[in-house]
Amino acid sequence: MPLSAYKSMWLFALFDLPVESKEHRRHYAQFRKKLLDKGFTMLQFSVYAKHLASEEAAASLRTTIVSALPPKGQVRILGITDHQFGKMEIYSGRQREKREDPPMQISLF
């Protein structure tokens, strides 16, 4: 059964983290690994997204991301409905591309 496009969510993590020192790169790698471990996929460099079944699931994941924030740099967390995500236009050069489809199944963990 497909999820409602108005209830299911896409959670984005957008970040700009310093990488000048070894310590900065270590924090960057740890944060990126945490996102991947939690099921995020890379849309672009420093832009990761995950599809979730509900706003409640997104709120829980936001808390997890906030707890893993690196000490320096900027991170933005954005949640939008699947319906809003469907309005995204994607271009590669001047060629328009198809957006990512939401998963057919919900991952429980």
Foldseek 3Di string as FASTA:
>chain_A
DAADLQFKKKKKKAWDFDDPDPVRVVLVVQLVVQCVVVPWDDPDVRITMDIGRGPVVVVVVVVVSVVSHDPDTDMDMDMDGNVVVCPDWDDDVNRTDHDDDHDRDHDPD
